[in-house]
Amino acid sequence: MAVVDSPLETIAQSAVEAFNQRDAEAFVALADAEVEFYPTPLVREHDVHRGHDGLKRWLEEIDAAGTRHRFEVSDVRTLDTSRFLIVGEVVIDGETVSPIAVLARLNAAEKIVEMHAFLSDERILAQVGVTRD
């Protein structure tokens, strides 16, 4: 019998796939119209991106920067009924450059309303209180 992902895990994997493909429409389809996204400062200054237009602009900025980094997922953790944590690595040209973790919260319609990306690993996030053990 195949293991069925939870809806949160499916959304998490879809978000990573949309990011890696720089597919703004697929990424926006996962998000609430009022989404707030706090990316890492890997490519540019750390800003908050609000709404669908903000997400689209963010992906356009990444594309324009020319850095073809990818997010390789090692684990997706469901934290509670509306939050998940994606743990993995930022990879550029086959080389791992940093651990990364993304904490996301969904609304009742299972749309992403808030995302925070950290150039950190899960252990450190737990130590500083971002996630619970």
C-alpha atoms as a PDB file:
ATOM      1  CA  MET A   1       0.000   0.000   0.000  1.00  0.00           C
ATOM      2  CA  ALA A   2       1.351   3.442  -0.946  1.00  0.00           C
ATOM      3  CA  VAL A   3       1.870   6.051   1.718  1.00  0.00           C
ATOM      4  CA  VAL A   4      -0.520   8.972   1.235  1.00  0.00           C
ATOM      5  CA  ASP A   5       0.870  12.400   2.042  1.00  0.00           C
ATOM      6  CA  SER A   6      -1.134  14.680   4.258  1.00  0.00           C
ATOM      7  CA  PRO A   7      -2.650  17.719   2.528  1.00  0.00           C
ATOM      8  CA  LEU A   8      -0.009  19.893   4.223  1.00  0.00           C
ATOM      9  CA  GLU A   9       2.820  17.710   2.896  1.00  0.00           C
ATOM     10  CA  THR A  10       1.322  17.828  -0.609  1.00  0.00           C
ATOM     11  CA  ILE A  11       1.105  21.627  -0.456  1.00  0.00           C
ATOM     12  CA  ALA A  12       4.680  21.833   0.824  1.00  0.00           C
ATOM     13  CA  GLN A  13       6.037  19.661  -1.992  1.00  0.00           C
ATOM     14  CA  SER A  14       4.025  21.639  -4.566  1.00  0.00           C
ATOM     15  CA  ALA A  15       5.418  24.922  -3.247  1.00  0.00           C
ATOM     16  CA  VAL A  16       8.999  23.670  -3.535  1.00  0.00           C
ATOM     17  CA  GLU A  17       8.373  22.354  -7.038  1.00  0.00           C
ATOM     18  CA  ALA A  18       6.855  25.698  -8.112  1.00  0.00           C
ATOM     19  CA  PHE A  19       9.843  27.561  -6.647  1.00  0.00           C
ATOM     20  CA  ASN A  20      12.407  25.282  -8.293  1.00  0.00           C
ATOM     21  CA  GLN A  21      10.676  25.694 -11.651  1.00  0.00           C
ATOM     22  CA  ARG A  22      10.200  29.455 -11.060  1.00  0.00           C
ATOM     23  CA  ASP A  23       6.525  28.880 -11.859  1.00  0.00           C
ATOM     24  CA  ALA A  24       4.822  31.959 -10.425  1.00  0.00           C
ATOM     25  CA  GLU A  25       1.311  30.846 -11.394  1.00  0.00           C
ATOM     26  CA  ALA A  26       1.686  27.474  -9.658  1.00  0.00           C
ATOM     27  CA  PHE A  27       3.163  29.146  -6.573  1.00  0.00           C
ATOM     28  CA  VAL A  28       0.375  31.751  -6.412  1.00  0.00           C
ATOM     29  CA  ALA A  29      -2.283  29.041  -6.795  1.00  0.00           C
ATOM     30  CA  LEU A  30      -1.136  27.616  -3.442  1.00  0.00           C
ATOM     31  CA  ALA A  31      -1.379  30.962  -1.645  1.00  0.00           C
ATOM     32  CA  ASP A  32      -4.127  33.086  -0.179  1.00  0.00           C
ATOM     33  CA  ALA A  33      -4.572  36.494  -1.819  1.00  0.00           C
ATOM     34  CA  GLU A  34      -3.289  38.109   1.398  1.00  0.00           C
ATOM     35  CA  VAL A  35      -0.218  35.875   1.779  1.00  0.00           C
ATOM     36  CA  GLU A  36       2.893  37.233   3.514  1.00  0.00           C
ATOM     37  CA  PHE A  37       6.206  35.670   2.559  1.00  0.00           C
ATOM     38  CA  TYR A  38       9.497  36.351   4.334  1.00  0.00           C
ATOM     39  CA  PRO A  39      12.279  34.828   2.171  1.00  0.00           C
ATOM     40  CA  THR A  40      15.916  34.339   3.045  1.00  0.00           C
ATOM     41  CA  PRO A  41      18.394  37.028   1.967  1.00  0.00           C
ATOM     42  CA  LEU A  42      20.330  34.593  -0.274  1.00  0.00           C
ATOM     43  CA  VAL A  43      19.860  36.520  -3.522  1.00  0.00           C
ATOM     44  CA  ARG A  44      18.786  39.979  -2.409  1.00  0.00           C
ATOM     45  CA  GLU A  45      17.811  41.983   0.646  1.00  0.00           C
ATOM     46  CA  HIS A  46      15.374  40.393   3.063  1.00  0.00           C
ATOM     47  CA  ASP A  47      11.918  41.820   2.396  1.00  0.00           C
ATOM     48  CA  VAL A  48       8.375  40.756   3.049  1.00  0.00           C
ATOM     49  CA  HIS A  49       6.383  39.998  -0.080  1.00  0.00           C
ATOM     50  CA  ARG A  50       2.641  40.472   0.255  1.00  0.00           C
ATOM     51  CA  GLY A  51      -0.162  39.088  -1.850  1.00  0.00           C
ATOM     52  CA  HIS A  52      -0.064  37.286  -5.154  1.00  0.00           C
ATOM     53  CA  ASP A  53       1.642  40.222  -6.863  1.00  0.00           C
ATOM     54  CA  GLY A  54       4.380  40.203  -4.216  1.00  0.00           C
ATOM     55  CA  LEU A  55       5.041  36.486  -4.758  1.00  0.00           C
ATOM     56  CA  LYS A  56       5.202  36.976  -8.511  1.00  0.00           C
ATOM     57  CA  ARG A  57       7.621  39.900  -8.156  1.00  0.00           C
ATOM     58  CA  TRP A  58       9.819  37.873  -5.819  1.00  0.00           C
ATOM     59  CA  LEU A  59      10.126  35.002  -8.309  1.00  0.00           C
ATOM     60  CA  GLU A  60      10.805  37.496 -11.122  1.00  0.00           C
ATOM     61  CA  GLU A  61      13.600  39.058  -9.020  1.00  0.00           C
ATOM     62  CA  ILE A  62      15.148  35.642  -8.422  1.00  0.00           C
ATOM     63  CA  ASP A  63      15.022  34.870 -12.133  1.00  0.00           C
ATOM     64  CA  ALA A  64      16.548  38.264 -12.978  1.00  0.00           C
ATOM     65  CA  ALA A  65      19.390  37.676 -10.478  1.00  0.00           C
ATOM     66  CA  GLY A  66      20.441  34.668 -12.542  1.00  0.00           C
ATOM     67  CA  THR A  67      21.231  32.449  -9.566  1.00  0.00           C
ATOM     68  CA  ARG A  68      19.786  29.070 -10.430  1.00  0.00           C
ATOM     69  CA  HIS A  69      19.553  27.807  -6.881  1.00  0.00           C
ATOM     70  CA  ARG A  70      17.191  25.004  -5.978  1.00  0.00           C
ATOM     71  CA  PHE A  71      15.584  23.840  -2.775  1.00  0.00           C
ATOM     72  CA  GLU A  72      16.212  20.131  -2.211  1.00  0.00           C
ATOM     73  CA  VAL A  73      13.819  18.763   0.403  1.00  0.00           C
ATOM     74  CA  SER A  74      15.004  16.265   2.977  1.00  0.00           C
ATOM     75  CA  ASP A  75      11.834  16.284   5.090  1.00  0.00           C
ATOM     76  CA  VAL A  76       8.405  17.827   5.475  1.00  0.00           C
ATOM     77  CA  ARG A  77       7.015  17.947   8.996  1.00  0.00           C
ATOM     78  CA  THR A  78       3.401  18.622   9.866  1.00  0.00           C
ATOM     79  CA  LEU A  79       3.557  20.721  13.052  1.00  0.00           C
ATOM     80  CA  ASP A  80      -0.169  20.984  13.689  1.00  0.00           C
ATOM     81  CA  THR A  81      -3.385  21.196  11.659  1.00  0.00           C
ATOM     82  CA  SER A  82      -2.369  24.404   9.891  1.00  0.00           C
ATOM     83  CA  ARG A  83       1.454  24.575   9.966  1.00  0.00           C
ATOM     84  CA  PHE A  84       4.255  22.671   8.327  1.00  0.00           C
ATOM     85  CA  LEU A  85       8.033  22.851   8.198  1.00  0.00           C
ATOM     86  CA  ILE A  86      10.043  22.039   5.082  1.00  0.00           C
ATOM     87  CA  VAL A  87      13.664  21.101   5.805  1.00  0.00           C
ATOM     88  CA  GLY A  88      16.330  20.830   3.151  1.00  0.00           C
ATOM     89  CA  GLU A  89      19.289  22.404   1.436  1.00  0.00           C
ATOM     90  CA  VAL A  90      19.918  25.243  -0.984  1.00  0.00           C
ATOM     91  CA  VAL A  91      21.832  23.791  -3.936  1.00  0.00           C
ATOM     92  CA  ILE A  92      23.598  25.740  -6.701  1.00  0.00           C
ATOM     93  CA  ASP A  93      25.151  23.847  -9.624  1.00  0.00           C
ATOM     94  CA  GLY A  94      25.053  20.599  -7.656  1.00  0.00           C
ATOM     95  CA  GLU A  95      26.804  22.101  -4.616  1.00  0.00           C
ATOM     96  CA  THR A  96      25.066  22.474  -1.262  1.00  0.00           C
ATOM     97  CA  VAL A  97      25.492  26.054  -0.060  1.00  0.00           C
ATOM     98  CA  SER A  98      23.282  26.179   3.025  1.00  0.00           C
ATOM     99  CA  PRO A  99      20.710  24.349   5.081  1.00  0.00           C
ATOM    100  CA  ILE A 100      17.237  25.857   4.703  1.00  0.00           C
ATOM    101  CA  ALA A 101      13.963  25.536   6.544  1.00  0.00           C
ATOM    102  CA  VAL A 102      10.616  27.026   5.585  1.00  0.00           C
ATOM    103  CA  LEU A 103       7.832  27.422   8.107  1.00  0.00           C
ATOM    104  CA  ALA A 104       4.364  27.911   6.621  1.00  0.00           C
ATOM    105  CA  ARG A 105       0.844  28.433   7.918  1.00  0.00           C
ATOM    106  CA  LEU A 106      -2.373  27.670   6.054  1.00  0.00           C
ATOM    107  CA  ASN A 107      -5.879  29.069   6.412  1.00  0.00           C
ATOM    108  CA  ALA A 108      -9.080  27.001   6.608  1.00  0.00           C
ATOM    109  CA  ALA A 109      -9.190  26.862   2.787  1.00  0.00           C
ATOM    110  CA  GLU A 110      -5.720  25.212   2.851  1.00  0.00           C
ATOM    111  CA  LYS A 111      -4.064  28.195   1.194  1.00  0.00           C
ATOM    112  CA  ILE A 112      -0.706  29.486   2.400  1.00  0.00           C
ATOM    113  CA  VAL A 113      -1.188  32.694   4.391  1.00  0.00           C
ATOM    114  CA  GLU A 114       2.302  33.042   5.823  1.00  0.00           C
ATOM    115  CA  MET A 115       5.753  31.651   5.004  1.00  0.00           C
ATOM    116  CA  HIS A 116       9.123  32.293   6.661  1.00  0.00           C
ATOM    117  CA  ALA A 117      12.341  30.955   5.155  1.00  0.00           C
ATOM    118  CA  PHE A 118      15.461  30.531   7.292  1.00  0.00           C
ATOM    119  CA  LEU A 119      19.023  29.720   6.263  1.00  0.00           C
ATOM    120  CA  SER A 120      19.191  27.376   9.207  1.00  0.00           C
ATOM    121  CA  ASP A 121      18.490  23.802  10.143  1.00  0.00           C
ATOM    122  CA  GLU A 122      15.632  22.336  12.116  1.00  0.00           C
ATOM    123  CA  ARG A 123      17.667  21.787  15.299  1.00  0.00           C
ATOM    124  CA  ILE A 124      18.614  25.457  15.584  1.00  0.00           C
ATOM    125  CA  LEU A 125      15.055  26.590  14.853  1.00  0.00           C
ATOM    126  CA  ALA A 126      13.831  24.416  17.723  1.00  0.00           C
ATOM    127  CA  GLN A 127      16.536  25.769  20.050  1.00  0.00           C
ATOM    128  CA  VAL A 128      15.553  29.378  19.400  1.00  0.00           C
ATOM    129  CA  GLY A 129      11.835  28.651  19.731  1.00  0.00           C
ATOM    130  CA  VAL A 130      10.722  29.013  16.102  1.00  0.00           C
ATOM    131  CA  THR A 131       9.393  25.437  16.132  1.00  0.00           C
ATOM    132  CA  ARG A 132       8.435  23.069  18.906  1.00  0.00           C
ATOM    133  CA  ASP A 133      10.166  19.719  19.367  1.00  0.00           C
END
